[in-house]
PDB file of N, CA and C in Angstrom:
ATOM      1  N   MET A   1      -6.508  12.998 -14.059  1.00  0.00           N
ATOM      2  CA  MET A   1      -5.899  12.139 -13.549  1.00  0.00           C
ATOM      3  C   MET A   1      -5.278  11.124 -14.256  1.00  0.00           C
ATOM      4  N   ARG A   2      -3.906  10.769 -14.252  1.00  0.00           N
ATOM      5  CA  ARG A   2      -3.328   9.681 -15.080  1.00  0.00           C
ATOM      6  C   ARG A   2      -3.734   8.459 -14.501  1.00  0.00           C
ATOM      7  N   GLU A   3      -3.619   7.325 -15.300  1.00  0.00           N
ATOM      8  CA  GLU A   3      -4.172   5.966 -14.854  1.00  0.00           C
ATOM      9  C   GLU A   3      -3.021   5.436 -13.732  1.00  0.00           C
ATOM     10  N   LEU A   4      -3.426   4.901 -12.777  1.00  0.00           N
ATOM     11  CA  LEU A   4      -2.614   4.115 -11.769  1.00  0.00           C
ATOM     12  C   LEU A   4      -1.998   2.912 -12.206  1.00  0.00           C
ATOM     13  N   SER A   5      -0.798   2.733 -11.742  1.00  0.00           N
ATOM     14  CA  SER A   5      -0.193   1.418 -12.299  1.00  0.00           C
ATOM     15  C   SER A   5      -0.934   0.266 -11.589  1.00  0.00           C
ATOM     16  N   ILE A   6      -0.695  -0.955 -12.227  1.00  0.00           N
ATOM     17  CA  ILE A   6      -1.375  -1.983 -11.692  1.00  0.00           C
ATOM     18  C   ILE A   6      -1.107  -2.322 -10.378  1.00  0.00           C
ATOM     19  N   ASP A   7       0.106  -2.280  -9.881  1.00  0.00           N
ATOM     20  CA  ASP A   7       0.653  -2.349  -8.584  1.00  0.00           C
ATOM     21  C   ASP A   7      -0.062  -1.637  -7.493  1.00  0.00           C
ATOM     22  N   ALA A   8      -0.361  -0.226  -7.898  1.00  0.00           N
ATOM     23  CA  ALA A   8      -1.229   0.588  -7.068  1.00  0.00           C
ATOM     24  C   ALA A   8      -2.590   0.091  -7.068  1.00  0.00           C
ATOM     25  N   ARG A   9      -3.041  -0.425  -8.167  1.00  0.00           N
ATOM     26  CA  ARG A   9      -4.570  -0.848  -8.001  1.00  0.00           C
ATOM     27  C   ARG A   9      -4.584  -2.156  -7.343  1.00  0.00           C
ATOM     28  N   VAL A  10      -3.583  -3.201  -7.341  1.00  0.00           N
ATOM     29  CA  VAL A  10      -3.681  -4.166  -6.633  1.00  0.00           C
ATOM     30  C   VAL A  10      -3.614  -3.899  -5.008  1.00  0.00           C
ATOM     31  N   ILE A  11      -2.816  -3.011  -4.714  1.00  0.00           N
ATOM     32  CA  ILE A  11      -2.731  -2.672  -3.248  1.00  0.00           C
ATOM     33  C   ILE A  11      -3.976  -1.866  -2.742  1.00  0.00           C
ATOM     34  N   ALA A  12      -4.494  -1.012  -3.629  1.00  0.00           N
ATOM     35  CA  ALA A  12      -5.609  -0.425  -3.197  1.00  0.00           C
ATOM     36  C   ALA A  12      -6.816  -1.294  -2.970  1.00  0.00           C
ATOM     37  N   GLN A  13      -6.915  -2.384  -3.797  1.00  0.00           N
ATOM     38  CA  GLN A  13      -7.917  -3.299  -3.594  1.00  0.00           C
ATOM     39  C   GLN A  13      -7.722  -4.400  -2.368  1.00  0.00           C
ATOM     40  N   SER A  14      -6.513  -4.643  -2.204  1.00  0.00           N
ATOM     41  CA  SER A  14      -6.299  -5.747  -1.332  1.00  0.00           C
ATOM     42  C   SER A  14      -5.866  -5.133  -0.033  1.00  0.00           C
ATOM     43  N   VAL A  15      -5.271  -3.993   0.072  1.00  0.00           N
ATOM     44  CA  VAL A  15      -4.876  -3.530   1.393  1.00  0.00           C
ATOM     45  C   VAL A  15      -5.841  -2.404   1.874  1.00  0.00           C
ATOM     46  N   PHE A  16      -6.311  -1.815   0.954  1.00  0.00           N
ATOM     47  CA  PHE A  16      -7.188  -0.544   1.403  1.00  0.00           C
ATOM     48  C   PHE A  16      -8.580  -0.660   0.659  1.00  0.00           C
ATOM     49  N   GLY A  17      -9.034  -1.889   0.885  1.00  0.00           N
ATOM     50  CA  GLY A  17     -10.298  -2.266   0.194  1.00  0.00           C
ATOM     51  C   GLY A  17     -11.513  -1.694   1.032  1.00  0.00           C
ATOM     52  N   PHE A  18     -11.453  -1.394   2.170  1.00  0.00           N
ATOM     53  CA  PHE A  18     -12.510  -0.736   2.972  1.00  0.00           C
ATOM     54  C   PHE A  18     -12.452   0.735   3.080  1.00  0.00           C
ATOM     55  N   GLY A  19     -11.717   1.312   2.101  1.00  0.00           N
ATOM     56  CA  GLY A  19     -11.625   2.856   2.137  1.00  0.00           C
ATOM     57  C   GLY A  19     -11.267   3.455   3.402  1.00  0.00           C
ATOM     58  N   GLU A  20     -11.837   4.447   3.846  1.00  0.00           N
ATOM     59  CA  GLU A  20     -11.331   5.195   4.825  1.00  0.00           C
ATOM     60  C   GLU A  20     -11.095   4.383   6.275  1.00  0.00           C
ATOM     61  N   LYS A  21     -11.726   3.097   6.309  1.00  0.00           N
ATOM     62  CA  LYS A  21     -11.513   2.313   7.519  1.00  0.00           C
ATOM     63  C   LYS A  21     -10.455   1.482   7.433  1.00  0.00           C
ATOM     64  N   SER A  22      -9.653   1.453   6.160  1.00  0.00           N
ATOM     65  CA  SER A  22      -8.444   0.548   6.049  1.00  0.00           C
ATOM     66  C   SER A  22      -7.205   1.256   6.409  1.00  0.00           C
ATOM     67  N   THR A  23      -6.539   0.802   7.380  1.00  0.00           N
ATOM     68  CA  THR A  23      -5.042   1.277   7.655  1.00  0.00           C
ATOM     69  C   THR A  23      -3.963   0.115   7.710  1.00  0.00           C
ATOM     70  N   LEU A  24      -2.793   0.554   7.496  1.00  0.00           N
ATOM     71  CA  LEU A  24      -1.626  -0.328   7.405  1.00  0.00           C
ATOM     72  C   LEU A  24      -0.575   0.483   8.088  1.00  0.00           C
ATOM     73  N   ARG A  25      -0.044  -0.292   9.099  1.00  0.00           N
ATOM     74  CA  ARG A  25       1.215   0.435   9.982  1.00  0.00           C
ATOM     75  C   ARG A  25       2.349  -0.502   9.692  1.00  0.00           C
ATOM     76  N   VAL A  26       3.398   0.089   9.330  1.00  0.00           N
ATOM     77  CA  VAL A  26       4.704  -0.603   8.961  1.00  0.00           C
ATOM     78  C   VAL A  26       5.921   0.149   9.562  1.00  0.00           C
ATOM     79  N   GLY A  27       7.098  -0.705   9.667  1.00  0.00           N
ATOM     80  CA  GLY A  27       8.386   0.034   9.751  1.00  0.00           C
ATOM     81  C   GLY A  27       8.647   0.476  11.232  1.00  0.00           C
ATOM     82  N   GLY A  28       9.619   1.220  11.274  1.00  0.00           N
ATOM     83  CA  GLY A  28       9.874   1.837  12.734  1.00  0.00           C
ATOM     84  C   GLY A  28      11.198   0.913  13.286  1.00  0.00           C
ATOM     85  N   THR A  29      11.616   1.577  14.440  1.00  0.00           N
ATOM     86  CA  THR A  29      12.703   1.138  15.137  1.00  0.00           C
ATOM     87  C   THR A  29      12.305  -0.366  15.631  1.00  0.00           C
ATOM     88  N   ARG A  30      13.168  -1.516  15.574  1.00  0.00           N
ATOM     89  CA  ARG A  30      13.005  -2.714  15.932  1.00  0.00           C
ATOM     90  C   ARG A  30      11.816  -3.524  15.125  1.00  0.00           C
ATOM     91  N   SER A  31      11.293  -2.752  14.043  1.00  0.00           N
ATOM     92  CA  SER A  31      10.328  -3.472  13.162  1.00  0.00           C
ATOM     93  C   SER A  31      10.811  -4.904  12.746  1.00  0.00           C
ATOM     94  N   GLU A  32      10.058  -5.723  12.586  1.00  0.00           N
ATOM     95  CA  GLU A  32      10.531  -6.979  11.967  1.00  0.00           C
ATOM     96  C   GLU A  32      10.393  -6.953  10.409  1.00  0.00           C
ATOM     97  N   ASN A  33       9.514  -6.148   9.939  1.00  0.00           N
ATOM     98  CA  ASN A  33       9.250  -6.019   8.523  1.00  0.00           C
ATOM     99  C   ASN A  33       9.029  -4.672   8.094  1.00  0.00           C
ATOM    100  N   VAL A  34       9.600  -4.498   6.785  1.00  0.00           N
ATOM    101  CA  VAL A  34       9.183  -3.077   6.204  1.00  0.00           C
ATOM    102  C   VAL A  34       8.641  -3.376   4.882  1.00  0.00           C
ATOM    103  N   LEU A  35       8.185  -2.241   4.074  1.00  0.00           N
ATOM    104  CA  LEU A  35       7.570  -2.427   2.926  1.00  0.00           C
ATOM    105  C   LEU A  35       8.798  -2.803   1.803  1.00  0.00           C
ATOM    106  N   THR A  36       8.459  -3.476   0.904  1.00  0.00           N
ATOM    107  CA  THR A  36       9.378  -3.761  -0.192  1.00  0.00           C
ATOM    108  C   THR A  36       9.318  -2.414  -0.921  1.00  0.00           C
ATOM    109  N   ASP A  37      10.435  -2.298  -1.880  1.00  0.00           N
ATOM    110  CA  ASP A  37      10.422  -1.017  -2.796  1.00  0.00           C
ATOM    111  C   ASP A  37       9.138  -0.994  -3.717  1.00  0.00           C
ATOM    112  N   ARG A  38       8.896  -2.113  -4.098  1.00  0.00           N
ATOM    113  CA  ARG A  38       7.673  -2.316  -5.000  1.00  0.00           C
ATOM    114  C   ARG A  38       6.477  -1.821  -4.429  1.00  0.00           C
ATOM    115  N   SER A  39       6.179  -2.184  -3.205  1.00  0.00           N
ATOM    116  CA  SER A  39       4.943  -1.781  -2.618  1.00  0.00           C
ATOM    117  C   SER A  39       5.011  -0.418  -2.104  1.00  0.00           C
ATOM    118  N   LEU A  40       6.221   0.067  -1.756  1.00  0.00           N
ATOM    119  CA  LEU A  40       6.363   1.455  -1.104  1.00  0.00           C
ATOM    120  C   LEU A  40       6.140   2.424  -2.508  1.00  0.00           C
ATOM    121  N   THR A  41       6.667   1.976  -3.659  1.00  0.00           N
ATOM    122  CA  THR A  41       6.279   2.848  -4.794  1.00  0.00           C
ATOM    123  C   THR A  41       4.921   2.937  -5.015  1.00  0.00           C
ATOM    124  N   ALA A  42       4.103   1.738  -4.960  1.00  0.00           N
ATOM    125  CA  ALA A  42       2.838   1.629  -5.404  1.00  0.00           C
ATOM    126  C   ALA A  42       1.885   2.622  -4.211  1.00  0.00           C
ATOM    127  N   ILE A  43       2.319   2.538  -2.969  1.00  0.00           N
ATOM    128  CA  ILE A  43       1.683   3.265  -1.960  1.00  0.00           C
ATOM    129  C   ILE A  43       1.947   4.707  -2.165  1.00  0.00           C
ATOM    130  N   ASN A  44       3.019   5.051  -2.545  1.00  0.00           N
ATOM    131  CA  ASN A  44       3.354   6.501  -2.781  1.00  0.00           C
ATOM    132  C   ASN A  44       2.634   7.056  -3.947  1.00  0.00           C
ATOM    133  N   GLU A  45       2.247   6.171  -4.893  1.00  0.00           N
ATOM    134  CA  GLU A  45       1.370   6.563  -6.050  1.00  0.00           C
ATOM    135  C   GLU A  45       0.113   6.846  -5.656  1.00  0.00           C
ATOM    136  N   LEU A  46      -0.367   6.042  -4.556  1.00  0.00           N
ATOM    137  CA  LEU A  46      -1.713   6.197  -4.138  1.00  0.00           C
ATOM    138  C   LEU A  46      -1.680   7.535  -3.311  1.00  0.00           C
ATOM    139  N   ILE A  47      -0.818   7.650  -2.588  1.00  0.00           N
ATOM    140  CA  ILE A  47      -0.680   8.864  -1.659  1.00  0.00           C
ATOM    141  C   ILE A  47      -0.732  10.318  -2.638  1.00  0.00           C
ATOM    142  N   GLU A  48       0.046  10.182  -3.732  1.00  0.00           N
ATOM    143  CA  GLU A  48       0.238  11.307  -4.625  1.00  0.00           C
ATOM    144  C   GLU A  48      -1.064  11.470  -5.336  1.00  0.00           C
ATOM    145  N   HIS A  49      -1.984  10.597  -5.432  1.00  0.00           N
ATOM    146  CA  HIS A  49      -3.265  10.828  -6.088  1.00  0.00           C
ATOM    147  C   HIS A  49      -4.375  11.012  -5.041  1.00  0.00           C
ATOM    148  N   GLY A  50      -4.077  11.104  -3.714  1.00  0.00           N
ATOM    149  CA  GLY A  50      -5.033  11.380  -2.799  1.00  0.00           C
ATOM    150  C   GLY A  50      -5.976  10.177  -2.359  1.00  0.00           C
ATOM    151  N   PHE A  51      -5.609   8.992  -2.724  1.00  0.00           N
ATOM    152  CA  PHE A  51      -6.222   7.735  -2.302  1.00  0.00           C
ATOM    153  C   PHE A  51      -5.910   7.325  -1.042  1.00  0.00           C
ATOM    154  N   VAL A  52      -4.691   7.504  -0.582  1.00  0.00           N
ATOM    155  CA  VAL A  52      -4.193   7.124   0.822  1.00  0.00           C
ATOM    156  C   VAL A  52      -3.395   8.268   1.317  1.00  0.00           C
ATOM    157  N   GLN A  53      -3.330   8.354   2.731  1.00  0.00           N
ATOM    158  CA  GLN A  53      -2.698   9.414   3.568  1.00  0.00           C
ATOM    159  C   GLN A  53      -1.718   8.614   4.343  1.00  0.00           C
ATOM    160  N   SER A  54      -0.581   9.301   4.710  1.00  0.00           N
ATOM    161  CA  SER A  54       0.452   8.736   5.477  1.00  0.00           C
ATOM    162  C   SER A  54       0.785   9.743   6.611  1.00  0.00           C
ATOM    163  N   ARG A  55       1.040   9.164   7.912  1.00  0.00           N
ATOM    164  CA  ARG A  55       1.448  10.011   8.894  1.00  0.00           C
ATOM    165  C   ARG A  55       2.344   9.188   9.889  1.00  0.00           C
ATOM    166  N   PRO A  56       3.042   9.807  10.651  1.00  0.00           N
ATOM    167  CA  PRO A  56       3.732   8.974  11.810  1.00  0.00           C
ATOM    168  C   PRO A  56       2.873   8.431  12.770  1.00  0.00           C
ATOM    169  N   PHE A  57       3.077   7.146  13.084  1.00  0.00           N
ATOM    170  CA  PHE A  57       2.210   6.460  13.998  1.00  0.00           C
ATOM    171  C   PHE A  57       2.655   6.596  15.503  1.00  0.00           C
ATOM    172  N   ASN A  58       3.971   6.531  15.657  1.00  0.00           N
ATOM    173  CA  ASN A  58       4.519   6.690  16.865  1.00  0.00           C
ATOM    174  C   ASN A  58       5.983   7.440  17.000  1.00  0.00           C
ATOM    175  N   ASP A  59       6.608   7.576  18.021  1.00  0.00           N
ATOM    176  CA  ASP A  59       7.895   8.045  18.192  1.00  0.00           C
ATOM    177  C   ASP A  59       9.059   7.198  17.796  1.00  0.00           C
ATOM    178  N   TYR A  60       8.736   5.896  17.271  1.00  0.00           N
ATOM    179  CA  TYR A  60       9.785   5.106  16.752  1.00  0.00           C
ATOM    180  C   TYR A  60       9.855   4.824  15.313  1.00  0.00           C
ATOM    181  N   GLY A  61       9.216   5.872  14.652  1.00  0.00           N
ATOM    182  CA  GLY A  61       9.549   5.639  13.207  1.00  0.00           C
ATOM    183  C   GLY A  61       8.347   4.807  12.487  1.00  0.00           C
ATOM    184  N   ARG A  62       7.453   4.201  13.167  1.00  0.00           N
ATOM    185  CA  ARG A  62       6.416   3.630  12.355  1.00  0.00           C
ATOM    186  C   ARG A  62       5.563   4.549  11.739  1.00  0.00           C
ATOM    187  N   ILE A  63       5.020   4.051  10.554  1.00  0.00           N
ATOM    188  CA  ILE A  63       4.170   4.966   9.606  1.00  0.00           C
ATOM    189  C   ILE A  63       2.756   4.181   9.606  1.00  0.00           C
ATOM    190  N   GLU A  64       1.809   5.159   9.534  1.00  0.00           N
ATOM    191  CA  GLU A  64       0.401   4.569   9.404  1.00  0.00           C
ATOM    192  C   GLU A  64       0.055   5.145   8.026  1.00  0.00           C
ATOM    193  N   TYR A  65      -0.474   4.346   7.130  1.00  0.00           N
ATOM    194  CA  TYR A  65      -1.049   4.609   6.032  1.00  0.00           C
ATOM    195  C   TYR A  65      -2.521   4.334   6.129  1.00  0.00           C
ATOM    196  N   GLN A  66      -3.499   5.233   5.576  1.00  0.00           N
ATOM    197  CA  GLN A  66      -4.984   5.312   5.828  1.00  0.00           C
ATOM    198  C   GLN A  66      -5.528   5.583   4.490  1.00  0.00           C
ATOM    199  N   GLY A  67      -6.473   4.666   4.063  1.00  0.00           N
ATOM    200  CA  GLY A  67      -7.281   4.897   2.903  1.00  0.00           C
ATOM    201  C   GLY A  67      -8.181   6.216   3.109  1.00  0.00           C
ATOM    202  N   THR A  68      -8.592   6.718   1.904  1.00  0.00           N
ATOM    203  CA  THR A  68      -9.486   7.861   1.841  1.00  0.00           C
ATOM    204  C   THR A  68     -10.774   7.406   1.080  1.00  0.00           C
ATOM    205  N   ALA A  69     -11.835   8.204   1.269  1.00  0.00           N
ATOM    206  CA  ALA A  69     -13.097   8.022   0.487  1.00  0.00           C
ATOM    207  C   ALA A  69     -12.813   7.942  -1.110  1.00  0.00           C
ATOM    208  N   LYS A  70     -11.739   8.667  -1.486  1.00  0.00           N
ATOM    209  CA  LYS A  70     -11.418   8.602  -2.900  1.00  0.00           C
ATOM    210  C   LYS A  70     -11.138   7.347  -3.535  1.00  0.00           C
ATOM    211  N   LEU A  71     -10.883   6.288  -2.493  1.00  0.00           N
ATOM    212  CA  LEU A  71     -10.635   4.997  -3.116  1.00  0.00           C
ATOM    213  C   LEU A  71     -11.569   4.357  -3.999  1.00  0.00           C
ATOM    214  N   SER A  72     -12.912   4.666  -3.722  1.00  0.00           N
ATOM    215  CA  SER A  72     -14.014   4.152  -4.370  1.00  0.00           C
ATOM    216  C   SER A  72     -13.976   4.484  -5.939  1.00  0.00           C
ATOM    217  N   GLN A  73     -13.077   5.515  -6.211  1.00  0.00           N
ATOM    218  CA  GLN A  73     -13.194   5.904  -7.672  1.00  0.00           C
ATOM    219  C   GLN A  73     -12.265   4.894  -8.370  1.00  0.00           C
ATOM    220  N   ILE A  74     -11.437   4.156  -7.639  1.00  0.00           N
ATOM    221  CA  ILE A  74     -10.498   3.277  -8.579  1.00  0.00           C
ATOM    222  C   ILE A  74     -11.425   1.982  -9.098  1.00  0.00           C
ATOM    223  N   PRO A  75     -11.307   1.802 -10.357  1.00  0.00           N
ATOM    224  CA  PRO A  75     -12.153   0.545 -10.968  1.00  0.00           C
ATOM    225  C   PRO A  75     -11.541  -0.903 -10.156  1.00  0.00           C
ATOM    226  N   LYS A  76     -12.372  -1.538  -9.869  1.00  0.00           N
ATOM    227  CA  LYS A  76     -11.962  -2.938  -9.357  1.00  0.00           C
ATOM    228  C   LYS A  76     -11.305  -3.853 -10.244  1.00  0.00           C
ATOM    229  N   LEU A  77     -10.336  -4.607  -9.851  1.00  0.00           N
ATOM    230  CA  LEU A  77      -9.721  -5.595 -10.775  1.00  0.00           C
ATOM    231  C   LEU A  77     -10.557  -6.794 -10.525  1.00  0.00           C
ATOM    232  N   SER A  78     -10.524  -7.743 -11.658  1.00  0.00           N
ATOM    233  CA  SER A  78     -11.245  -8.945 -11.623  1.00  0.00           C
ATOM    234  C   SER A  78     -10.390  -9.978 -10.943  1.00  0.00           C
ATOM    235  N   PHE A  79     -11.021 -11.056 -10.451  1.00  0.00           N
ATOM    236  CA  PHE A  79     -10.298 -12.068  -9.738  1.00  0.00           C
ATOM    237  C   PHE A  79      -9.083 -12.522 -10.440  1.00  0.00           C
ATOM    238  N   ALA A  80      -9.311 -12.684 -11.927  1.00  0.00           N
ATOM    239  CA  ALA A  80      -8.168 -13.130 -12.905  1.00  0.00           C
ATOM    240  C   ALA A  80      -7.058 -12.072 -12.848  1.00  0.00           C
ATOM    241  N   GLU A  81      -7.394 -10.961 -12.733  1.00  0.00           N
ATOM    242  CA  GLU A  81      -6.298  -9.807 -12.851  1.00  0.00           C
ATOM    243  C   GLU A  81      -5.523  -9.898 -11.637  1.00  0.00           C
ATOM    244  N   MET A  82      -6.279  -9.897 -10.417  1.00  0.00           N
ATOM    245  CA  MET A  82      -5.601  -9.961  -9.052  1.00  0.00           C
ATOM    246  C   MET A  82      -4.724 -11.267  -9.175  1.00  0.00           C
ATOM    247  N   GLU A  83      -5.195 -12.409  -9.623  1.00  0.00           N
ATOM    248  CA  GLU A  83      -4.318 -13.697  -9.582  1.00  0.00           C
ATOM    249  C   GLU A  83      -3.089 -13.343 -10.493  1.00  0.00           C
ATOM    250  N   THR A  84      -3.154 -12.770 -11.510  1.00  0.00           N
ATOM    251  CA  THR A  84      -2.055 -12.401 -12.445  1.00  0.00           C
ATOM    252  C   THR A  84      -1.085 -11.364 -12.007  1.00  0.00           C
ATOM    253  N   HIS A  85      -1.644 -10.301 -11.345  1.00  0.00           N
ATOM    254  CA  HIS A  85      -0.845  -9.159 -11.080  1.00  0.00           C
ATOM    255  C   HIS A  85      -0.524  -8.929  -9.604  1.00  0.00           C
ATOM    256  N   GLY A  86      -1.253  -9.787  -8.700  1.00  0.00           N
ATOM    257  CA  GLY A  86      -1.105  -9.566  -7.334  1.00  0.00           C
ATOM    258  C   GLY A  86      -0.239 -10.392  -6.631  1.00  0.00           C
ATOM    259  N   GLN A  87       0.653 -11.242  -7.325  1.00  0.00           N
ATOM    260  CA  GLN A  87       1.574 -12.123  -6.711  1.00  0.00           C
ATOM    261  C   GLN A  87       2.953 -11.560  -6.340  1.00  0.00           C
ATOM    262  N   PHE A  88       2.831 -10.491  -5.410  1.00  0.00           N
ATOM    263  CA  PHE A  88       4.062  -9.951  -4.903  1.00  0.00           C
ATOM    264  C   PHE A  88       3.902  -9.662  -3.454  1.00  0.00           C
ATOM    265  N   SER A  89       5.129  -9.574  -2.652  1.00  0.00           N
ATOM    266  CA  SER A  89       5.091  -9.383  -1.358  1.00  0.00           C
ATOM    267  C   SER A  89       4.980  -7.954  -1.011  1.00  0.00           C
ATOM    268  N   LEU A  90       4.086  -7.622   0.016  1.00  0.00           N
ATOM    269  CA  LEU A  90       4.054  -6.370   0.521  1.00  0.00           C
ATOM    270  C   LEU A  90       5.054  -5.768   1.385  1.00  0.00           C
ATOM    271  N   THR A  91       5.558  -6.706   2.266  1.00  0.00           N
ATOM    272  CA  THR A  91       6.568  -6.546   3.203  1.00  0.00           C
ATOM    273  C   THR A  91       7.721  -7.434   2.981  1.00  0.00           C
ATOM    274  N   ARG A  92       8.869  -7.313   3.451  1.00  0.00           N
ATOM    275  CA  ARG A  92      10.073  -8.014   3.710  1.00  0.00           C
ATOM    276  C   ARG A  92      10.641  -7.837   4.966  1.00  0.00           C
ATOM    277  N   PRO A  93      11.332  -8.912   5.410  1.00  0.00           N
ATOM    278  CA  PRO A  93      12.071  -8.829   6.850  1.00  0.00           C
ATOM    279  C   PRO A  93      13.163  -7.732   6.728  1.00  0.00           C
ATOM    280  N   THR A  94      13.246  -7.035   7.888  1.00  0.00           N
ATOM    281  CA  THR A  94      14.179  -5.921   7.973  1.00  0.00           C
ATOM    282  C   THR A  94      15.568  -6.689   7.740  1.00  0.00           C
ATOM    283  N   GLY A  95      16.251  -5.878   6.980  1.00  0.00           N
ATOM    284  CA  GLY A  95      17.700  -6.372   6.622  1.00  0.00           C
ATOM    285  C   GLY A  95      17.736  -7.400   5.569  1.00  0.00           C
ATOM    286  N   GLY A  96      16.416  -7.933   5.043  1.00  0.00           N
ATOM    287  CA  GLY A  96      16.462  -8.816   4.020  1.00  0.00           C
ATOM    288  C   GLY A  96      16.623  -8.309   2.555  1.00  0.00           C
ATOM    289  N   SER A  97      16.518  -9.112   1.580  1.00  0.00           N
ATOM    290  CA  SER A  97      16.500  -8.676   0.147  1.00  0.00           C
ATOM    291  C   SER A  97      15.303  -7.857  -0.102  1.00  0.00           C
ATOM    292  N   ASN A  98      15.384  -7.070  -1.005  1.00  0.00           N
ATOM    293  CA  ASN A  98      14.214  -6.134  -1.363  1.00  0.00           C
ATOM    294  C   ASN A  98      13.539  -6.523  -2.757  1.00  0.00           C
ATOM    295  N   VAL A  99      12.683  -7.601  -2.879  1.00  0.00           N
ATOM    296  CA  VAL A  99      12.234  -8.194  -4.027  1.00  0.00           C
ATOM    297  C   VAL A  99      10.955  -7.595  -4.217  1.00  0.00           C
TER     298      VAL A  99
END
């Protein structure tokens, strides 16, 4: 397995820190917020490596992301590393800029 990007590690630790019990639901029709490109890239990386699963949540296009037991294999970042690398938005307003 190749090393995960720092963004993927930040999201794994901050959003999916409870492993299989962690879920994130975003997007869909009339959603006020969607994932930023940066966050989506990191989550897709986690999916590609089997750390997160995605599935449709409802008929309105909302997606549910759920952590897997495999997340425990990712080395934890220190508080200082999270402070340095974790300062980015997970979501953005629908129709807003994509930072």
